[in-house]
Each structure stands twice: as C-alpha cells, then as structure tokens.
C-alpha cells in the first residue's frame, strides 16, 4: 500500500517508492539519501510541524510539505 510519508506512523519502517516533486526538491532529497528504494525508519510524526526519519544512521527532519511529496510503501 502506497501513501505519503507524512501519513506514516512513528516506529514503522518504510521504503521510498517515488518522489513527486520538482527537480530542485528531488535533488535536495537525493543528496540526503531519500531516493526510490531507500529504507527509512519513521522516528517522529506528530501530524503537524516536522517529521523525523532515520536513514543510514542519521536523523533527518522534514517539513510536512516535503513529506507529502514522498510516496512510501510498507
């Protein structure tokens, strides 16, 4: 089941399916490792404000606007 990253619950692990954004945002996310196929752990998601994900031993905070453009699957 695919959904926006913004809807993922804390404590879950999801795989990036696609990034539905313009070139600039795709490049920015790719530089952080958020590319299709990447496995990420959702660390924090209160439903508003920022979303915290774990990727390759690092924690990254994303705004909800960015998180809505990243499609993930279980």
PDB file of N, CA and C in Angstrom:
ATOM      1  N   UNK A   1       0.844  -1.184   0.000  1.00  0.00           N
ATOM      2  CA  UNK A   1       0.000   0.000   0.000  1.00  0.00           C
ATOM      3  C   UNK A   1       0.889   1.247   0.000  1.00  0.00           C
ATOM      4  N   UNK A   2       0.685   2.114  -0.937  1.00  0.00           N
ATOM      5  CA  UNK A   2       1.451   3.362  -1.026  1.00  0.00           C
ATOM      6  C   UNK A   2       0.713   4.479  -0.312  1.00  0.00           C
ATOM      7  N   UNK A   3       1.500   5.384   0.275  1.00  0.00           N
ATOM      8  CA  UNK A   3       0.935   6.549   0.946  1.00  0.00           C
ATOM      9  C   UNK A   3       2.013   7.621   1.029  1.00  0.00           C
ATOM     10  N   UNK A   4       1.631   8.855   1.312  1.00  0.00           N
ATOM     11  CA  UNK A   4       2.645   9.889   1.527  1.00  0.00           C
ATOM     12  C   UNK A   4       3.405   9.600   2.823  1.00  0.00           C
ATOM     13  N   UNK A   5       4.673   9.922   2.867  1.00  0.00           N
ATOM     14  CA  UNK A   5       5.475   9.740   4.069  1.00  0.00           C
ATOM     15  C   UNK A   5       4.840  10.460   5.255  1.00  0.00           C
ATOM     16  N   UNK A   6       4.170  11.563   5.007  1.00  0.00           N
ATOM     17  CA  UNK A   6       3.538  12.339   6.077  1.00  0.00           C
ATOM     18  C   UNK A   6       2.502  11.532   6.851  1.00  0.00           C
ATOM     19  N   UNK A   7       1.991  10.453   6.279  1.00  0.00           N
ATOM     20  CA  UNK A   7       0.967   9.640   6.940  1.00  0.00           C
ATOM     21  C   UNK A   7       1.554   8.438   7.691  1.00  0.00           C
ATOM     22  N   UNK A   8       2.853   8.209   7.588  1.00  0.00           N
ATOM     23  CA  UNK A   8       3.478   7.061   8.235  1.00  0.00           C
ATOM     24  C   UNK A   8       3.541   7.273   9.748  1.00  0.00           C
ATOM     25  N   UNK A   9       3.333   6.190  10.478  1.00  0.00           N
ATOM     26  CA  UNK A   9       3.328   6.263  11.942  1.00  0.00           C
ATOM     27  C   UNK A   9       4.740   6.110  12.509  1.00  0.00           C
ATOM     28  N   UNK A  10       5.003   6.780  13.623  1.00  0.00           N
ATOM     29  CA  UNK A  10       6.303   6.612  14.277  1.00  0.00           C
ATOM     30  C   UNK A  10       6.526   5.146  14.657  1.00  0.00           C
ATOM     31  N   UNK A  11       7.761   4.714  14.546  1.00  0.00           N
ATOM     32  CA  UNK A  11       8.106   3.340  14.885  1.00  0.00           C
ATOM     33  C   UNK A  11       8.003   2.371  13.724  1.00  0.00           C
ATOM     34  N   UNK A  12       7.571   2.863  12.560  1.00  0.00           N
ATOM     35  CA  UNK A  12       7.473   1.989  11.395  1.00  0.00           C
ATOM     36  C   UNK A  12       8.677   2.182  10.482  1.00  0.00           C
ATOM     37  N   UNK A  13       8.920   1.177   9.669  1.00  0.00           N
ATOM     38  CA  UNK A  13       9.972   1.228   8.663  1.00  0.00           C
ATOM     39  C   UNK A  13       9.297   1.160   7.309  1.00  0.00           C
ATOM     40  N   UNK A  14       9.634   2.082   6.427  1.00  0.00           N
ATOM     41  CA  UNK A  14       9.000   2.149   5.108  1.00  0.00           C
ATOM     42  C   UNK A  14      10.065   2.280   4.027  1.00  0.00           C
ATOM     43  N   UNK A  15       9.673   1.965   2.803  1.00  0.00           N
ATOM     44  CA  UNK A  15      10.560   2.055   1.650  1.00  0.00           C
ATOM     45  C   UNK A  15      10.072   3.178   0.748  1.00  0.00           C
ATOM     46  N   UNK A  16      10.996   4.020   0.288  1.00  0.00           N
ATOM     47  CA  UNK A  16      10.634   5.109  -0.620  1.00  0.00           C
ATOM     48  C   UNK A  16      10.288   4.509  -1.983  1.00  0.00           C
ATOM     49  N   UNK A  17       9.096   4.821  -2.462  1.00  0.00           N
ATOM     50  CA  UNK A  17       8.633   4.342  -3.766  1.00  0.00           C
ATOM     51  C   UNK A  17       8.912   5.390  -4.848  1.00  0.00           C
ATOM     52  N   UNK A  18       8.583   6.644  -4.550  1.00  0.00           N
ATOM     53  CA  UNK A  18       8.759   7.717  -5.534  1.00  0.00           C
ATOM     54  C   UNK A  18       8.822   9.058  -4.820  1.00  0.00           C
ATOM     55  N   UNK A  19       9.425  10.033  -5.497  1.00  0.00           N
ATOM     56  CA  UNK A  19       9.440  11.408  -5.021  1.00  0.00           C
ATOM     57  C   UNK A  19       8.725  12.227  -6.078  1.00  0.00           C
ATOM     58  N   UNK A  20       7.560  12.755  -5.713  1.00  0.00           N
ATOM     59  CA  UNK A  20       6.726  13.506  -6.656  1.00  0.00           C
ATOM     60  C   UNK A  20       6.944  14.995  -6.427  1.00  0.00           C
ATOM     61  N   UNK A  21       8.069  15.483  -6.928  1.00  0.00           N
ATOM     62  CA  UNK A  21       8.443  16.881  -6.709  1.00  0.00           C
ATOM     63  C   UNK A  21       9.222  17.387  -7.909  1.00  0.00           C
ATOM     64  N   UNK A  22       9.472  18.675  -7.917  1.00  0.00           N
ATOM     65  CA  UNK A  22      10.269  19.276  -8.975  1.00  0.00           C
ATOM     66  C   UNK A  22      11.735  18.882  -8.863  1.00  0.00           C
ATOM     67  N   UNK A  23      12.494  19.248  -9.852  1.00  0.00           N
ATOM     68  CA  UNK A  23      13.906  18.867  -9.926  1.00  0.00           C
ATOM     69  C   UNK A  23      14.695  19.339  -8.706  1.00  0.00           C
ATOM     70  N   UNK A  24      14.478  20.575  -8.267  1.00  0.00           N
ATOM     71  CA  UNK A  24      15.252  21.121  -7.153  1.00  0.00           C
ATOM     72  C   UNK A  24      15.015  20.326  -5.872  1.00  0.00           C
ATOM     73  N   UNK A  25      13.764  20.023  -5.559  1.00  0.00           N
ATOM     74  CA  UNK A  25      13.476  19.263  -4.342  1.00  0.00           C
ATOM     75  C   UNK A  25      13.932  17.819  -4.478  1.00  0.00           C
ATOM     76  N   UNK A  26      13.784  17.230  -5.654  1.00  0.00           N
ATOM     77  CA  UNK A  26      14.279  15.867  -5.864  1.00  0.00           C
ATOM     78  C   UNK A  26      15.786  15.810  -5.628  1.00  0.00           C
ATOM     79  N   UNK A  27      16.507  16.788  -6.121  1.00  0.00           N
ATOM     80  CA  UNK A  27      17.965  16.836  -5.942  1.00  0.00           C
ATOM     81  C   UNK A  27      18.331  17.006  -4.477  1.00  0.00           C
ATOM     82  N   UNK A  28      17.611  17.869  -3.790  1.00  0.00           N
ATOM     83  CA  UNK A  28      17.879  18.108  -2.367  1.00  0.00           C
ATOM     84  C   UNK A  28      17.646  16.838  -1.562  1.00  0.00           C
ATOM     85  N   UNK A  29      16.531  16.153  -1.812  1.00  0.00           N
ATOM     86  CA  UNK A  29      16.227  14.919  -1.094  1.00  0.00           C
ATOM     87  C   UNK A  29      17.217  13.810  -1.451  1.00  0.00           C
ATOM     88  N   UNK A  30      17.612  13.751  -2.723  1.00  0.00           N
ATOM     89  CA  UNK A  30      18.582  12.737  -3.153  1.00  0.00           C
ATOM     90  C   UNK A  30      19.923  12.938  -2.447  1.00  0.00           C
ATOM     91  N   UNK A  31      20.315  14.187  -2.226  1.00  0.00           N
ATOM     92  CA  UNK A  31      21.578  14.450  -1.537  1.00  0.00           C
ATOM     93  C   UNK A  31      21.543  13.975  -0.085  1.00  0.00           C
ATOM     94  N   UNK A  32      20.335  13.828   0.470  1.00  0.00           N
ATOM     95  CA  UNK A  32      20.164  13.309   1.830  1.00  0.00           C
ATOM     96  C   UNK A  32      19.976  11.794   1.843  1.00  0.00           C
ATOM     97  N   UNK A  33      19.883  11.192   0.650  1.00  0.00           N
ATOM     98  CA  UNK A  33      19.687   9.746   0.566  1.00  0.00           C
ATOM     99  C   UNK A  33      18.250   9.313   0.419  1.00  0.00           C
ATOM    100  N   UNK A  34      17.333  10.273   0.314  1.00  0.00           N
ATOM    101  CA  UNK A  34      15.917   9.945   0.157  1.00  0.00           C
ATOM    102  C   UNK A  34      15.598   9.767  -1.325  1.00  0.00           C
ATOM    103  N   UNK A  35      15.890   8.580  -1.817  1.00  0.00           N
ATOM    104  CA  UNK A  35      15.687   8.223  -3.219  1.00  0.00           C
ATOM    105  C   UNK A  35      14.841   6.956  -3.280  1.00  0.00           C
ATOM    106  N   UNK A  36      14.191   6.681  -4.407  1.00  0.00           N
ATOM    107  CA  UNK A  36      13.421   5.441  -4.526  1.00  0.00           C
ATOM    108  C   UNK A  36      14.281   4.223  -4.189  1.00  0.00           C
ATOM    109  N   UNK A  37      13.719   3.362  -3.358  1.00  0.00           N
ATOM    110  CA  UNK A  37      14.415   2.162  -2.923  1.00  0.00           C
ATOM    111  C   UNK A  37      15.021   2.282  -1.541  1.00  0.00           C
ATOM    112  N   UNK A  38      15.170   3.508  -1.028  1.00  0.00           N
ATOM    113  CA  UNK A  38      15.767   3.708   0.294  1.00  0.00           C
ATOM    114  C   UNK A  38      14.812   3.230   1.382  1.00  0.00           C
ATOM    115  N   UNK A  39      15.353   2.536   2.372  1.00  0.00           N
ATOM    116  CA  UNK A  39      14.585   2.072   3.522  1.00  0.00           C
ATOM    117  C   UNK A  39      14.774   3.093   4.638  1.00  0.00           C
ATOM    118  N   UNK A  40      13.677   3.629   5.169  1.00  0.00           N
ATOM    119  CA  UNK A  40      13.772   4.645   6.218  1.00  0.00           C
ATOM    120  C   UNK A  40      12.911   4.254   7.411  1.00  0.00           C
ATOM    121  N   UNK A  41      13.319   4.719   8.583  1.00  0.00           N
ATOM    122  CA  UNK A  41      12.569   4.489   9.817  1.00  0.00           C
ATOM    123  C   UNK A  41      11.909   5.802  10.222  1.00  0.00           C
ATOM    124  N   UNK A  42      10.625   5.746  10.507  1.00  0.00           N
ATOM    125  CA  UNK A  42       9.906   6.940  10.952  1.00  0.00           C
ATOM    126  C   UNK A  42      10.119   7.051  12.463  1.00  0.00           C
ATOM    127  N   UNK A  43      10.834   8.083  12.871  1.00  0.00           N
ATOM    128  CA  UNK A  43      11.175   8.275  14.280  1.00  0.00           C
ATOM    129  C   UNK A  43      10.104   9.096  14.984  1.00  0.00           C
ATOM    130  N   UNK A  44       9.673  10.173  14.367  1.00  0.00           N
ATOM    131  CA  UNK A  44       8.674  11.043  14.979  1.00  0.00           C
ATOM    132  C   UNK A  44       7.754  11.652  13.947  1.00  0.00           C
ATOM    133  N   UNK A  45       6.457  11.648  14.262  1.00  0.00           N
ATOM    134  CA  UNK A  45       5.460  12.249  13.378  1.00  0.00           C
ATOM    135  C   UNK A  45       4.248  12.608  14.221  1.00  0.00           C
ATOM    136  N   UNK A  46       4.130  13.885  14.550  1.00  0.00           N
ATOM    137  CA  UNK A  46       3.008  14.331  15.368  1.00  0.00           C
ATOM    138  C   UNK A  46       1.798  14.708  14.516  1.00  0.00           C
ATOM    139  N   UNK A  47       1.958  14.687  13.193  1.00  0.00           N
ATOM    140  CA  UNK A  47       0.852  15.053  12.304  1.00  0.00           C
ATOM    141  C   UNK A  47       0.874  16.516  11.901  1.00  0.00           C
ATOM    142  N   UNK A  48       1.690  17.312  12.563  1.00  0.00           N
ATOM    143  CA  UNK A  48       1.865  18.723  12.193  1.00  0.00           C
ATOM    144  C   UNK A  48       3.301  19.094  12.528  1.00  0.00           C
ATOM    145  N   UNK A  49       3.773  20.179  12.005  1.00  0.00           N
ATOM    146  CA  UNK A  49       5.177  20.537  12.228  1.00  0.00           C
ATOM    147  C   UNK A  49       6.093  19.680  11.377  1.00  0.00           C
ATOM    148  N   UNK A  50       7.144  19.177  11.959  1.00  0.00           N
ATOM    149  CA  UNK A  50       8.115  18.381  11.217  1.00  0.00           C
ATOM    150  C   UNK A  50       7.948  16.894  11.429  1.00  0.00           C
ATOM    151  N   UNK A  51       8.619  16.144  10.584  1.00  0.00           N
ATOM    152  CA  UNK A  51       8.623  14.686  10.640  1.00  0.00           C
ATOM    153  C   UNK A  51      10.086  14.263  10.715  1.00  0.00           C
ATOM    154  N   UNK A  52      10.407  13.358  11.620  1.00  0.00           N
ATOM    155  CA  UNK A  52      11.792  12.923  11.798  1.00  0.00           C
ATOM    156  C   UNK A  52      11.927  11.491  11.301  1.00  0.00           C
ATOM    157  N   UNK A  53      12.907  11.273  10.411  1.00  0.00           N
ATOM    158  CA  UNK A  53      13.161   9.937   9.887  1.00  0.00           C
ATOM    159  C   UNK A  53      14.616   9.559  10.138  1.00  0.00           C
ATOM    160  N   UNK A  54      14.853   8.263  10.248  1.00  0.00           N
ATOM    161  CA  UNK A  54      16.199   7.744  10.384  1.00  0.00           C
ATOM    162  C   UNK A  54      16.614   7.099   9.078  1.00  0.00           C
ATOM    163  N   UNK A  55      17.821   7.419   8.627  1.00  0.00           N
ATOM    164  CA  UNK A  55      18.317   6.906   7.358  1.00  0.00           C
ATOM    165  C   UNK A  55      19.832   6.765   7.443  1.00  0.00           C
ATOM    166  N   UNK A  56      20.335   5.555   7.270  1.00  0.00           N
ATOM    167  CA  UNK A  56      21.781   5.289   7.273  1.00  0.00           C
ATOM    168  C   UNK A  56      22.477   5.837   8.518  1.00  0.00           C
ATOM    169  N   UNK A  57      21.856   5.635   9.674  1.00  0.00           N
ATOM    170  CA  UNK A  57      22.462   6.058  10.928  1.00  0.00           C
ATOM    171  C   UNK A  57      22.304   7.531  11.254  1.00  0.00           C
ATOM    172  N   UNK A  58      21.592   8.278  10.428  1.00  0.00           N
ATOM    173  CA  UNK A  58      21.373   9.708  10.667  1.00  0.00           C
ATOM    174  C   UNK A  58      19.887   9.975  10.864  1.00  0.00           C
ATOM    175  N   UNK A  59      19.600  11.062  11.542  1.00  0.00           N
ATOM    176  CA  UNK A  59      18.214  11.504  11.677  1.00  0.00           C
ATOM    177  C   UNK A  59      18.037  12.768  10.842  1.00  0.00           C
ATOM    178  N   UNK A  60      16.943  12.791  10.100  1.00  0.00           N
ATOM    179  CA  UNK A  60      16.654  13.918   9.211  1.00  0.00           C
ATOM    180  C   UNK A  60      15.260  14.441   9.552  1.00  0.00           C
ATOM    181  N   UNK A  61      15.136  15.759   9.661  1.00  0.00           N
ATOM    182  CA  UNK A  61      13.831  16.358   9.899  1.00  0.00           C
ATOM    183  C   UNK A  61      13.330  16.965   8.598  1.00  0.00           C
ATOM    184  N   UNK A  62      12.101  16.614   8.240  1.00  0.00           N
ATOM    185  CA  UNK A  62      11.474  17.113   7.017  1.00  0.00           C
ATOM    186  C   UNK A  62      10.216  17.890   7.376  1.00  0.00           C
ATOM    187  N   UNK A  63       9.930  18.922   6.624  1.00  0.00           N
ATOM    188  CA  UNK A  63       8.668  19.622   6.780  1.00  0.00           C
ATOM    189  C   UNK A  63       7.543  18.772   6.208  1.00  0.00           C
ATOM    190  N   UNK A  64       6.330  19.040   6.639  1.00  0.00           N
ATOM    191  CA  UNK A  64       5.180  18.261   6.163  1.00  0.00           C
ATOM    192  C   UNK A  64       4.960  18.423   4.658  1.00  0.00           C
ATOM    193  N   UNK A  65       5.289  19.581   4.115  1.00  0.00           N
ATOM    194  CA  UNK A  65       5.149  19.780   2.667  1.00  0.00           C
ATOM    195  C   UNK A  65       6.035  18.810   1.901  1.00  0.00           C
ATOM    196  N   UNK A  66       7.274  18.657   2.344  1.00  0.00           N
ATOM    197  CA  UNK A  66       8.189  17.704   1.704  1.00  0.00           C
ATOM    198  C   UNK A  66       7.699  16.279   1.918  1.00  0.00           C
ATOM    199  N   UNK A  67       7.279  15.974   3.134  1.00  0.00           N
ATOM    200  CA  UNK A  67       6.857  14.611   3.464  1.00  0.00           C
ATOM    201  C   UNK A  67       5.651  14.168   2.641  1.00  0.00           C
ATOM    202  N   UNK A  68       4.797  15.111   2.257  1.00  0.00           N
ATOM    203  CA  UNK A  68       3.636  14.767   1.434  1.00  0.00           C
ATOM    204  C   UNK A  68       4.037  14.424  -0.003  1.00  0.00           C
ATOM    205  N   UNK A  69       5.216  14.839  -0.441  1.00  0.00           N
ATOM    206  CA  UNK A  69       5.664  14.580  -1.817  1.00  0.00           C
ATOM    207  C   UNK A  69       6.468  13.290  -1.959  1.00  0.00           C
ATOM    208  N   UNK A  70       6.726  12.635  -0.832  1.00  0.00           N
ATOM    209  CA  UNK A  70       7.487  11.375  -0.844  1.00  0.00           C
ATOM    210  C   UNK A  70       6.507  10.222  -0.665  1.00  0.00           C
ATOM    211  N   UNK A  71       6.393   9.361  -1.690  1.00  0.00           N
ATOM    212  CA  UNK A  71       5.489   8.193  -1.628  1.00  0.00           C
ATOM    213  C   UNK A  71       6.267   7.018  -1.060  1.00  0.00           C
ATOM    214  N   UNK A  72       5.664   6.359  -0.066  1.00  0.00           N
ATOM    215  CA  UNK A  72       6.324   5.219   0.572  1.00  0.00           C
ATOM    216  C   UNK A  72       5.380   4.020   0.613  1.00  0.00           C
ATOM    217  N   UNK A  73       5.960   2.863   0.828  1.00  0.00           N
ATOM    218  CA  UNK A  73       5.203   1.635   0.979  1.00  0.00           C
ATOM    219  C   UNK A  73       5.792   0.813   2.106  1.00  0.00           C
ATOM    220  N   UNK A  74       4.970  -0.062   2.668  1.00  0.00           N
ATOM    221  CA  UNK A  74       5.411  -0.914   3.789  1.00  0.00           C
ATOM    222  C   UNK A  74       6.340  -1.937   3.326  1.00  0.00           C
TER     223      UNK A  74
END
